Amino acid sequence: MRSLTLLCLLFCLSLTVSFGQNTSEKIGYVDQQLIIERMPEFKKLNQEITLKSQQYEKVLKGKFDDYEAKSAALDKLVAGKAEQMILRDKALELDNLKKSYEEFEANAMKELREYYTKKFTPIKQKVNEAIVFAGRQKGYSFILRMDLNPDGGDMWPVVLFARDSTSNLSADIMKNLGIDSTAASARKIGIPQMLQQK
C-alpha cells in the first residue's frame, strides 16, 4: 500500500509539474530516519544517552532502596507505638527522600532531553544539508520524505527540498479565500529551505 501511495503521489506531482511548466521535473524521496540512524555521530549520541541513563538509574535505585528501607523502619516504629515526635521526624525524613527522588528523576529526564536535543540538532542539520546538496547536484526539483499519517491510513509526503519557490501556490489560495497574501512570499518553508544557497 505504501509503494502504491508513493507511486500515485509521484505520478500526480509529475503530471502537475509537467502540465504547469511543460518541463520534465525529477522527484525523489529519501528515508531520512535510516540515514540518521546510520550516522556515526547518531550512534555515538545514543551510546552517550544510554550511559547517562544507566548512571541516573543507579542513583535513582539507590534513592529508592533508601526510601524503601526507611519506610519499613517507620512502619516498625508505628507498630511499636514509638513517640509522636520520633514518628513525625521519621515521616518528615521519608517525605524529604521522596521529594529528593522525584526531583532527581525530573532533573535527570530534563537533562537527558536537553543533551539529546543539543547533540541531535547538528546531526539533523548535517543530514538536511546533504539532502539539499544531493537534490541540487542530481537536478531534482523535489525531494520527499514519506511519514506515517498520524491519523492512520496511508503514508504522506514531507517535502525536504524544493529547487525553487515558483511552485508555491499559497498567495493564490489566500487571494481566493480573501486573505491578505503580502507576507506569504517571504515565509521560509521547512528546515532545508532555511539553509543558505550553496
N, C-alpha and C. Protein backbone atom coordinates (compact mmCIF):
# COMPACT_ATOMS: atom_id res chain seq x y z
N MET A 1 0.84 -1.20 0.00
CA MET A 1 0.00 0.00 0.00
C MET A 1 0.87 1.25 0.00
N ARG A 2 2.00 1.19 0.77
CA ARG A 2 2.89 2.34 0.86
C ARG A 2 3.46 2.69 -0.50
N SER A 3 3.94 1.65 -1.24
CA SER A 3 4.55 1.93 -2.53
C SER A 3 3.51 2.41 -3.54
N LEU A 4 2.28 1.88 -3.46
CA LEU A 4 1.21 2.33 -4.34
C LEU A 4 0.87 3.79 -4.08
N THR A 5 0.79 4.16 -2.80
CA THR A 5 0.52 5.56 -2.45
C THR A 5 1.63 6.46 -2.96
N LEU A 6 2.89 6.03 -2.77
CA LEU A 6 4.03 6.81 -3.22
C LEU A 6 4.00 6.97 -4.73
N LEU A 7 3.72 5.88 -5.45
CA LEU A 7 3.67 5.96 -6.91
C LEU A 7 2.57 6.90 -7.39
N CYS A 8 1.40 6.81 -6.75
CA CYS A 8 0.30 7.71 -7.12
C CYS A 8 0.68 9.16 -6.87
N LEU A 9 1.31 9.41 -5.71
CA LEU A 9 1.72 10.77 -5.37
C LEU A 9 2.74 11.29 -6.38
N LEU A 10 3.74 10.48 -6.68
CA LEU A 10 4.77 10.91 -7.62
C LEU A 10 4.18 11.13 -9.01
N PHE A 11 3.26 10.27 -9.41
CA PHE A 11 2.61 10.43 -10.71
C PHE A 11 1.82 11.74 -10.76
N CYS A 12 1.04 11.99 -9.70
CA CYS A 12 0.24 13.23 -9.66
C CYS A 12 1.14 14.46 -9.65
N LEU A 13 2.22 14.40 -8.87
CA LEU A 13 3.14 15.55 -8.83
C LEU A 13 3.79 15.76 -10.18
N SER A 14 4.19 14.66 -10.84
CA SER A 14 4.85 14.82 -12.13
C SER A 14 3.87 15.35 -13.17
N LEU A 15 2.58 14.93 -13.10
CA LEU A 15 1.58 15.48 -14.02
C LEU A 15 1.38 16.96 -13.79
N THR A 16 1.27 17.35 -12.51
CA THR A 16 1.07 18.76 -12.17
C THR A 16 2.23 19.59 -12.68
N VAL A 17 3.45 19.09 -12.42
CA VAL A 17 4.64 19.84 -12.85
C VAL A 17 4.71 19.89 -14.36
N SER A 18 4.44 18.74 -15.03
CA SER A 18 4.54 18.70 -16.48
C SER A 18 3.54 19.62 -17.15
N PHE A 19 2.28 19.59 -16.69
CA PHE A 19 1.27 20.46 -17.30
C PHE A 19 1.49 21.92 -16.95
N GLY A 20 1.93 22.19 -15.71
CA GLY A 20 2.07 23.56 -15.26
C GLY A 20 3.27 24.26 -15.86
N GLN A 21 4.37 23.53 -16.09
CA GLN A 21 5.59 24.18 -16.55
C GLN A 21 6.09 23.65 -17.88
N ASN A 22 5.47 22.57 -18.36
CA ASN A 22 5.84 21.97 -19.63
C ASN A 22 7.31 21.58 -19.66
N THR A 23 7.84 21.10 -18.54
CA THR A 23 9.22 20.62 -18.47
C THR A 23 9.23 19.31 -17.70
N SER A 24 10.32 18.60 -17.83
CA SER A 24 10.47 17.34 -17.10
C SER A 24 11.09 17.63 -15.74
N GLU A 25 10.39 17.28 -14.69
CA GLU A 25 10.85 17.54 -13.33
C GLU A 25 11.19 16.22 -12.66
N LYS A 26 12.31 16.18 -11.94
CA LYS A 26 12.70 14.98 -11.20
C LYS A 26 12.22 15.09 -9.77
N ILE A 27 11.57 14.04 -9.30
CA ILE A 27 11.09 13.98 -7.92
C ILE A 27 11.66 12.71 -7.29
N GLY A 28 12.28 12.86 -6.13
CA GLY A 28 12.83 11.71 -5.43
C GLY A 28 12.37 11.70 -3.99
N TYR A 29 12.69 10.62 -3.29
CA TYR A 29 12.37 10.56 -1.86
C TYR A 29 13.51 9.89 -1.11
N VAL A 30 13.60 10.18 0.16
CA VAL A 30 14.67 9.62 0.99
C VAL A 30 14.07 9.02 2.26
N ASP A 31 14.78 8.06 2.81
CA ASP A 31 14.46 7.52 4.13
C ASP A 31 15.38 8.25 5.11
N GLN A 32 14.92 9.43 5.54
CA GLN A 32 15.74 10.30 6.38
C GLN A 32 16.11 9.62 7.70
N GLN A 33 15.18 8.87 8.27
CA GLN A 33 15.44 8.21 9.55
C GLN A 33 16.56 7.18 9.40
N LEU A 34 16.55 6.42 8.31
CA LEU A 34 17.60 5.43 8.06
C LEU A 34 18.96 6.11 7.95
N ILE A 35 19.00 7.22 7.23
CA ILE A 35 20.27 7.96 7.07
C ILE A 35 20.78 8.41 8.43
N ILE A 36 19.90 9.00 9.23
CA ILE A 36 20.30 9.49 10.56
C ILE A 36 20.78 8.34 11.42
N GLU A 37 20.04 7.22 11.42
CA GLU A 37 20.41 6.08 12.27
C GLU A 37 21.75 5.49 11.90
N ARG A 38 22.18 5.62 10.65
CA ARG A 38 23.46 5.06 10.20
C ARG A 38 24.65 6.00 10.44
N MET A 39 24.38 7.22 10.81
CA MET A 39 25.47 8.18 11.01
C MET A 39 26.25 7.84 12.28
N PRO A 40 27.58 7.85 12.22
CA PRO A 40 28.39 7.57 13.41
C PRO A 40 28.10 8.53 14.56
N GLU A 41 27.81 9.79 14.22
CA GLU A 41 27.51 10.78 15.27
C GLU A 41 26.24 10.42 16.03
N PHE A 42 25.25 9.88 15.30
CA PHE A 42 24.00 9.49 15.94
C PHE A 42 24.19 8.25 16.81
N LYS A 43 24.97 7.30 16.31
CA LYS A 43 25.27 6.09 17.10
C LYS A 43 26.00 6.47 18.38
N LYS A 44 26.95 7.41 18.27
CA LYS A 44 27.69 7.86 19.45
C LYS A 44 26.75 8.56 20.43
N LEU A 45 25.84 9.38 19.92
CA LEU A 45 24.87 10.07 20.77
C LEU A 45 24.01 9.06 21.52
N ASN A 46 23.54 8.03 20.84
CA ASN A 46 22.74 7.01 21.50
C ASN A 46 23.52 6.30 22.60
N GLN A 47 24.80 6.04 22.35
CA GLN A 47 25.64 5.41 23.38
C GLN A 47 25.79 6.33 24.58
N GLU A 48 25.99 7.62 24.33
CA GLU A 48 26.13 8.59 25.42
C GLU A 48 24.84 8.68 26.24
N ILE A 49 23.71 8.70 25.56
CA ILE A 49 22.41 8.77 26.25
C ILE A 49 22.19 7.51 27.08
N THR A 50 22.54 6.36 26.52
CA THR A 50 22.40 5.09 27.25
C THR A 50 23.27 5.10 28.50
N LEU A 51 24.52 5.54 28.37
CA LEU A 51 25.43 5.58 29.51
C LEU A 51 24.93 6.53 30.60
N LYS A 52 24.51 7.72 30.19
CA LYS A 52 23.98 8.69 31.16
C LYS A 52 22.73 8.13 31.85
N SER A 53 21.85 7.50 31.06
CA SER A 53 20.62 6.93 31.62
C SER A 53 20.94 5.86 32.66
N GLN A 54 21.92 5.02 32.35
CA GLN A 54 22.31 3.97 33.30
C GLN A 54 22.86 4.56 34.59
N GLN A 55 23.65 5.62 34.47
CA GLN A 55 24.19 6.28 35.67
C GLN A 55 23.07 6.87 36.51
N TYR A 56 22.11 7.52 35.87
CA TYR A 56 21.00 8.12 36.59
C TYR A 56 20.11 7.05 37.23
N GLU A 57 19.94 5.93 36.51
CA GLU A 57 19.13 4.84 37.06
C GLU A 57 19.76 4.26 38.32
N LYS A 58 21.10 4.18 38.36
CA LYS A 58 21.78 3.68 39.56
C LYS A 58 21.51 4.61 40.75
N VAL A 59 21.61 5.91 40.51
CA VAL A 59 21.36 6.88 41.58
C VAL A 59 19.91 6.76 42.04
N LEU A 60 18.99 6.67 41.08
CA LEU A 60 17.57 6.55 41.43
C LEU A 60 17.29 5.26 42.20
N LYS A 61 17.94 4.17 41.80
CA LYS A 61 17.74 2.91 42.51
C LYS A 61 18.24 3.03 43.95
N GLY A 62 19.39 3.69 44.14
CA GLY A 62 19.91 3.90 45.49
C GLY A 62 18.94 4.73 46.33
N LYS A 63 18.39 5.77 45.73
CA LYS A 63 17.43 6.61 46.45
C LYS A 63 16.15 5.82 46.78
N PHE A 64 15.71 5.01 45.82
CA PHE A 64 14.50 4.21 46.05
C PHE A 64 14.73 3.17 47.15
N ASP A 65 15.88 2.50 47.09
CA ASP A 65 16.19 1.49 48.12
C ASP A 65 16.26 2.13 49.50
N ASP A 66 16.86 3.32 49.59
CA ASP A 66 16.94 4.05 50.86
C ASP A 66 15.54 4.39 51.35
N TYR A 67 14.69 4.85 50.43
CA TYR A 67 13.30 5.18 50.78
C TYR A 67 12.56 3.95 51.30
N GLU A 68 12.71 2.82 50.59
CA GLU A 68 12.03 1.59 50.99
C GLU A 68 12.48 1.13 52.39
N ALA A 69 13.80 1.20 52.64
CA ALA A 69 14.33 0.78 53.94
C ALA A 69 13.80 1.67 55.06
N LYS A 70 13.80 2.98 54.82
CA LYS A 70 13.34 3.91 55.86
C LYS A 70 11.82 3.83 56.03
N SER A 71 11.11 3.50 54.96
CA SER A 71 9.67 3.32 55.06
C SER A 71 9.35 2.10 55.91
N ALA A 72 10.10 1.02 55.71
CA ALA A 72 9.90 -0.18 56.52
C ALA A 72 10.23 0.09 57.99
N ALA A 73 11.30 0.88 58.21
CA ALA A 73 11.67 1.23 59.59
C ALA A 73 10.58 2.07 60.25
N LEU A 74 9.99 2.98 59.50
CA LEU A 74 8.90 3.80 60.05
C LEU A 74 7.69 2.93 60.39
N ASP A 75 7.38 1.96 59.52
CA ASP A 75 6.27 1.05 59.79
C ASP A 75 6.49 0.29 61.10
N LYS A 76 7.74 -0.11 61.34
CA LYS A 76 8.06 -0.81 62.59
C LYS A 76 7.88 0.12 63.79
N LEU A 77 8.30 1.38 63.64
CA LEU A 77 8.14 2.34 64.73
C LEU A 77 6.66 2.58 65.03
N VAL A 78 5.86 2.67 63.98
CA VAL A 78 4.42 2.88 64.16
C VAL A 78 3.82 1.66 64.88
N ALA A 79 4.21 0.47 64.42
CA ALA A 79 3.69 -0.76 65.03
C ALA A 79 4.13 -0.88 66.49
N GLY A 80 5.34 -0.38 66.78
CA GLY A 80 5.86 -0.43 68.15
C GLY A 80 5.40 0.75 69.00
N LYS A 81 4.54 1.56 68.43
CA LYS A 81 3.97 2.71 69.14
C LYS A 81 5.04 3.63 69.71
N ALA A 82 5.94 4.05 68.80
CA ALA A 82 7.01 4.98 69.19
C ALA A 82 6.42 6.35 69.49
N GLU A 83 7.20 7.19 70.12
CA GLU A 83 6.77 8.55 70.48
C GLU A 83 6.42 9.33 69.21
N GLN A 84 5.43 10.21 69.31
CA GLN A 84 4.95 11.01 68.18
C GLN A 84 6.05 11.88 67.59
N MET A 85 6.91 12.43 68.43
CA MET A 85 7.99 13.28 67.93
C MET A 85 8.93 12.47 67.03
N ILE A 86 9.23 11.25 67.42
CA ILE A 86 10.09 10.37 66.62
C ILE A 86 9.38 10.02 65.31
N LEU A 87 8.10 9.69 65.39
CA LEU A 87 7.34 9.34 64.18
C LEU A 87 7.27 10.52 63.21
N ARG A 88 7.04 11.73 63.74
CA ARG A 88 6.99 12.92 62.88
C ARG A 88 8.35 13.15 62.20
N ASP A 89 9.42 12.99 62.95
CA ASP A 89 10.77 13.18 62.41
C ASP A 89 11.05 12.18 61.29
N LYS A 90 10.70 10.90 61.53
CA LYS A 90 10.95 9.85 60.53
C LYS A 90 10.03 10.04 59.31
N ALA A 91 8.79 10.49 59.52
CA ALA A 91 7.87 10.75 58.42
C ALA A 91 8.37 11.92 57.56
N LEU A 92 8.91 12.95 58.22
CA LEU A 92 9.47 14.10 57.50
C LEU A 92 10.69 13.67 56.69
N GLU A 93 11.53 12.84 57.32
CA GLU A 93 12.71 12.32 56.62
C GLU A 93 12.29 11.51 55.39
N LEU A 94 11.26 10.71 55.53
CA LEU A 94 10.74 9.90 54.43
C LEU A 94 10.17 10.79 53.32
N ASP A 95 9.45 11.82 53.73
CA ASP A 95 8.88 12.76 52.76
C ASP A 95 9.99 13.47 51.97
N ASN A 96 11.05 13.85 52.68
CA ASN A 96 12.18 14.50 52.01
C ASN A 96 12.88 13.56 51.03
N LEU A 97 12.98 12.29 51.40
CA LEU A 97 13.58 11.30 50.49
C LEU A 97 12.73 11.14 49.22
N LYS A 98 11.42 11.12 49.41
CA LYS A 98 10.52 11.01 48.26
C LYS A 98 10.67 12.22 47.34
N LYS A 99 10.70 13.41 47.93
CA LYS A 99 10.87 14.64 47.14
C LYS A 99 12.22 14.63 46.41
N SER A 100 13.26 14.18 47.11
CA SER A 100 14.59 14.11 46.50
C SER A 100 14.59 13.17 45.31
N TYR A 101 13.94 12.02 45.45
CA TYR A 101 13.84 11.04 44.37
C TYR A 101 13.12 11.65 43.17
N GLU A 102 11.96 12.25 43.43
CA GLU A 102 11.16 12.83 42.34
C GLU A 102 11.87 13.98 41.65
N GLU A 103 12.55 14.80 42.44
CA GLU A 103 13.29 15.94 41.87
C GLU A 103 14.45 15.46 41.02
N PHE A 104 15.18 14.46 41.51
CA PHE A 104 16.31 13.92 40.75
C PHE A 104 15.81 13.29 39.45
N GLU A 105 14.71 12.55 39.54
CA GLU A 105 14.15 11.90 38.35
C GLU A 105 13.74 12.93 37.31
N ALA A 106 13.06 13.99 37.73
CA ALA A 106 12.62 15.04 36.80
C ALA A 106 13.82 15.77 36.19
N ASN A 107 14.81 16.09 37.02
CA ASN A 107 16.01 16.78 36.53
C ASN A 107 16.81 15.91 35.57
N ALA A 108 16.88 14.61 35.87
CA ALA A 108 17.61 13.69 35.00
C ALA A 108 16.94 13.61 33.64
N MET A 109 15.62 13.50 33.61
CA MET A 109 14.90 13.44 32.34
C MET A 109 15.08 14.73 31.55
N LYS A 110 15.00 15.86 32.24
CA LYS A 110 15.18 17.16 31.58
C LYS A 110 16.58 17.27 31.01
N GLU A 111 17.57 16.88 31.78
CA GLU A 111 18.96 16.97 31.34
C GLU A 111 19.20 16.07 30.13
N LEU A 112 18.63 14.86 30.16
CA LEU A 112 18.79 13.95 29.02
C LEU A 112 18.14 14.52 27.76
N ARG A 113 16.94 15.08 27.91
CA ARG A 113 16.26 15.68 26.75
C ARG A 113 17.08 16.83 26.18
N GLU A 114 17.56 17.72 27.07
CA GLU A 114 18.34 18.88 26.60
C GLU A 114 19.64 18.45 25.95
N TYR A 115 20.30 17.46 26.54
CA TYR A 115 21.56 16.96 25.98
C TYR A 115 21.32 16.35 24.60
N TYR A 116 20.25 15.55 24.49
CA TYR A 116 19.91 14.91 23.23
C TYR A 116 19.62 15.96 22.16
N THR A 117 18.80 16.95 22.51
CA THR A 117 18.44 18.00 21.55
C THR A 117 19.67 18.77 21.09
N LYS A 118 20.53 19.11 22.04
CA LYS A 118 21.74 19.88 21.72
C LYS A 118 22.64 19.10 20.76
N LYS A 119 22.80 17.80 21.00
CA LYS A 119 23.68 16.99 20.16
C LYS A 119 23.01 16.54 18.86
N PHE A 120 21.67 16.37 18.89
CA PHE A 120 20.97 15.88 17.71
C PHE A 120 20.78 16.97 16.66
N THR A 121 20.61 18.22 17.09
CA THR A 121 20.36 19.32 16.16
C THR A 121 21.42 19.41 15.05
N PRO A 122 22.73 19.40 15.38
CA PRO A 122 23.71 19.47 14.29
C PRO A 122 23.74 18.20 13.41
N ILE A 123 23.36 17.06 13.97
CA ILE A 123 23.30 15.83 13.18
C ILE A 123 22.20 15.97 12.14
N LYS A 124 21.03 16.41 12.58
CA LYS A 124 19.91 16.59 11.64
C LYS A 124 20.23 17.67 10.61
N GLN A 125 20.87 18.73 11.06
CA GLN A 125 21.28 19.81 10.15
C GLN A 125 22.22 19.28 9.07
N LYS A 126 23.15 18.42 9.48
CA LYS A 126 24.11 17.85 8.53
C LYS A 126 23.38 16.99 7.49
N VAL A 127 22.41 16.19 7.94
CA VAL A 127 21.63 15.36 7.02
C VAL A 127 20.80 16.24 6.09
N ASN A 128 20.17 17.27 6.63
CA ASN A 128 19.37 18.18 5.79
C ASN A 128 20.23 18.86 4.73
N GLU A 129 21.43 19.28 5.12
CA GLU A 129 22.33 19.91 4.15
C GLU A 129 22.73 18.92 3.07
N ALA A 130 22.97 17.66 3.46
CA ALA A 130 23.33 16.63 2.48
C ALA A 130 22.17 16.35 1.53
N ILE A 131 20.95 16.39 2.04
CA ILE A 131 19.77 16.18 1.19
C ILE A 131 19.64 17.32 0.18
N VAL A 132 19.80 18.55 0.66
CA VAL A 132 19.73 19.71 -0.23
C VAL A 132 20.84 19.64 -1.28
N PHE A 133 22.05 19.30 -0.85
CA PHE A 133 23.18 19.19 -1.77
C PHE A 133 22.92 18.13 -2.83
N ALA A 134 22.44 16.95 -2.40
CA ALA A 134 22.16 15.87 -3.35
C ALA A 134 21.06 16.27 -4.32
N GLY A 135 20.04 16.97 -3.80
CA GLY A 135 18.96 17.42 -4.67
C GLY A 135 19.45 18.36 -5.74
N ARG A 136 20.28 19.30 -5.36
CA ARG A 136 20.83 20.25 -6.35
C ARG A 136 21.79 19.55 -7.31
N GLN A 137 22.66 18.70 -6.75
CA GLN A 137 23.68 18.03 -7.56
C GLN A 137 23.05 17.11 -8.61
N LYS A 138 21.98 16.43 -8.24
CA LYS A 138 21.36 15.46 -9.14
C LYS A 138 20.23 16.09 -9.97
N GLY A 139 19.96 17.37 -9.77
CA GLY A 139 18.96 18.07 -10.57
C GLY A 139 17.52 17.74 -10.22
N TYR A 140 17.28 17.41 -8.96
CA TYR A 140 15.91 17.13 -8.53
C TYR A 140 15.16 18.43 -8.28
N SER A 141 13.87 18.41 -8.62
CA SER A 141 13.01 19.55 -8.32
C SER A 141 12.50 19.45 -6.89
N PHE A 142 12.18 18.23 -6.45
CA PHE A 142 11.66 17.98 -5.11
C PHE A 142 12.27 16.71 -4.55
N ILE A 143 12.54 16.73 -3.26
CA ILE A 143 12.90 15.51 -2.55
C ILE A 143 11.94 15.40 -1.38
N LEU A 144 11.32 14.24 -1.26
CA LEU A 144 10.29 14.00 -0.26
C LEU A 144 10.77 13.00 0.79
N ARG A 145 10.16 13.07 1.94
CA ARG A 145 10.30 12.05 2.98
C ARG A 145 8.90 11.52 3.22
N MET A 146 8.76 10.21 3.28
CA MET A 146 7.45 9.63 3.50
C MET A 146 7.27 9.36 4.99
N ASP A 147 6.23 9.92 5.58
CA ASP A 147 5.93 9.75 7.00
C ASP A 147 4.61 9.02 7.16
N LEU A 148 4.46 8.34 8.29
CA LEU A 148 3.17 7.74 8.61
C LEU A 148 2.18 8.85 8.89
N ASN A 149 0.99 8.70 8.39
CA ASN A 149 -0.08 9.65 8.67
C ASN A 149 -0.50 9.47 10.13
N PRO A 150 -0.40 10.49 10.97
CA PRO A 150 -0.77 10.33 12.39
C PRO A 150 -2.24 10.00 12.60
N ASP A 151 -3.08 10.27 11.58
CA ASP A 151 -4.49 9.95 11.68
C ASP A 151 -4.79 8.54 11.18
N GLY A 152 -3.74 7.80 10.85
CA GLY A 152 -3.91 6.45 10.33
C GLY A 152 -4.00 6.47 8.81
N GLY A 153 -3.98 5.29 8.23
CA GLY A 153 -4.11 5.21 6.78
C GLY A 153 -2.77 5.27 6.08
N ASP A 154 -2.79 5.84 4.90
CA ASP A 154 -1.62 5.84 4.02
C ASP A 154 -0.48 6.72 4.53
N MET A 155 0.66 6.56 3.87
CA MET A 155 1.81 7.41 4.14
C MET A 155 1.52 8.79 3.52
N TRP A 156 2.20 9.80 4.04
CA TRP A 156 2.07 11.11 3.42
C TRP A 156 3.45 11.73 3.26
N PRO A 157 3.60 12.58 2.23
CA PRO A 157 4.92 13.12 1.93
C PRO A 157 5.23 14.39 2.72
N VAL A 158 6.50 14.54 3.04
CA VAL A 158 7.01 15.79 3.61
C VAL A 158 8.10 16.26 2.66
N VAL A 159 7.98 17.46 2.16
CA VAL A 159 8.98 17.98 1.23
C VAL A 159 10.21 18.42 2.02
N LEU A 160 11.35 17.81 1.72
CA LEU A 160 12.61 18.15 2.38
C LEU A 160 13.40 19.15 1.55
N PHE A 161 13.18 19.15 0.25
CA PHE A 161 13.91 20.04 -0.64
C PHE A 161 13.03 20.42 -1.81
N ALA A 162 13.00 21.70 -2.13
CA ALA A 162 12.34 22.19 -3.33
C ALA A 162 13.33 23.11 -4.03
N ARG A 163 13.58 22.85 -5.29
CA ARG A 163 14.60 23.59 -6.02
C ARG A 163 14.35 25.09 -6.01
N ASP A 164 13.10 25.49 -6.13
CA ASP A 164 12.76 26.91 -6.10
C ASP A 164 11.36 27.08 -5.53
N SER A 165 10.95 28.30 -5.40
CA SER A 165 9.63 28.56 -4.80
C SER A 165 8.59 28.96 -5.85
N THR A 166 8.87 28.68 -7.11
CA THR A 166 7.93 29.09 -8.16
C THR A 166 6.65 28.26 -8.13
N SER A 167 6.69 27.12 -7.46
CA SER A 167 5.50 26.26 -7.41
C SER A 167 4.63 26.56 -6.20
N ASN A 168 4.98 27.58 -5.40
CA ASN A 168 4.24 27.91 -4.19
C ASN A 168 2.93 28.60 -4.57
N LEU A 169 1.82 27.96 -4.26
CA LEU A 169 0.51 28.50 -4.60
C LEU A 169 -0.17 29.17 -3.41
N SER A 170 0.53 29.35 -2.31
CA SER A 170 -0.07 29.90 -1.09
C SER A 170 -0.72 31.26 -1.33
N ALA A 171 -0.02 32.17 -2.03
CA ALA A 171 -0.56 33.52 -2.26
C ALA A 171 -1.85 33.45 -3.08
N ASP A 172 -1.89 32.58 -4.11
CA ASP A 172 -3.10 32.44 -4.93
C ASP A 172 -4.26 31.90 -4.10
N ILE A 173 -3.98 30.91 -3.26
CA ILE A 173 -5.03 30.31 -2.44
C ILE A 173 -5.54 31.32 -1.42
N MET A 174 -4.63 32.08 -0.81
CA MET A 174 -5.04 33.09 0.15
C MET A 174 -5.87 34.18 -0.54
N LYS A 175 -5.49 34.55 -1.74
CA LYS A 175 -6.25 35.55 -2.50
C LYS A 175 -7.67 35.04 -2.77
N ASN A 176 -7.78 33.76 -3.15
CA ASN A 176 -9.09 33.16 -3.40
C ASN A 176 -9.94 33.11 -2.14
N LEU A 177 -9.29 33.02 -0.98
CA LEU A 177 -10.01 32.99 0.29
C LEU A 177 -10.26 34.39 0.85
N GLY A 178 -9.77 35.41 0.16
CA GLY A 178 -9.96 36.78 0.61
C GLY A 178 -9.03 37.16 1.75
N ILE A 179 -7.86 36.52 1.84
CA ILE A 179 -6.89 36.78 2.90
C ILE A 179 -5.74 37.60 2.32
N ASP A 180 -5.19 38.52 3.12
CA ASP A 180 -4.04 39.32 2.69
C ASP A 180 -2.85 38.39 2.47
N SER A 181 -2.31 38.39 1.29
CA SER A 181 -1.22 37.47 0.95
C SER A 181 0.14 38.15 0.82
N THR A 182 0.28 39.39 1.28
CA THR A 182 1.54 40.11 1.08
C THR A 182 2.71 39.48 1.82
N ALA A 183 2.45 38.86 2.97
CA ALA A 183 3.55 38.27 3.75
C ALA A 183 3.85 36.84 3.31
N ALA A 184 3.06 36.26 2.44
CA ALA A 184 3.22 34.84 2.08
C ALA A 184 4.55 34.55 1.40
N SER A 185 5.02 35.46 0.55
CA SER A 185 6.21 35.16 -0.24
C SER A 185 7.49 35.14 0.57
N ALA A 186 7.54 35.88 1.69
CA ALA A 186 8.77 35.95 2.48
C ALA A 186 8.92 34.79 3.45
N ARG A 187 7.87 34.04 3.67
CA ARG A 187 7.90 32.95 4.65
C ARG A 187 8.78 31.81 4.18
N LYS A 188 9.66 31.34 5.07
CA LYS A 188 10.51 30.20 4.76
C LYS A 188 9.73 28.92 5.03
N ILE A 189 9.93 27.92 4.19
CA ILE A 189 9.18 26.68 4.33
C ILE A 189 10.16 25.54 4.62
N GLY A 190 10.06 24.95 5.79
CA GLY A 190 10.86 23.77 6.14
C GLY A 190 12.29 24.13 6.47
N ILE A 191 12.93 23.25 7.20
CA ILE A 191 14.32 23.46 7.62
C ILE A 191 15.26 23.58 6.44
N PRO A 192 15.19 22.69 5.43
CA PRO A 192 16.14 22.81 4.32
C PRO A 192 16.04 24.12 3.57
N GLN A 193 14.84 24.73 3.55
CA GLN A 193 14.69 25.98 2.84
C GLN A 193 15.38 27.13 3.58
N MET A 194 15.68 26.93 4.87
CA MET A 194 16.36 27.96 5.64
C MET A 194 17.87 27.92 5.44
N LEU A 195 18.34 26.83 4.84
CA LEU A 195 19.78 26.70 4.61
C LEU A 195 20.20 27.72 3.55
N GLN A 196 21.40 28.20 3.70
CA GLN A 196 21.88 29.17 2.70
C GLN A 196 22.13 28.44 1.39
N GLN A 197 21.97 29.16 0.29
CA GLN A 197 22.24 28.60 -1.02
C GLN A 197 23.71 28.21 -1.10
N LYS A 198 23.96 27.05 -1.63
CA LYS A 198 25.35 26.57 -1.77
C LYS A 198 25.97 27.17 -3.01
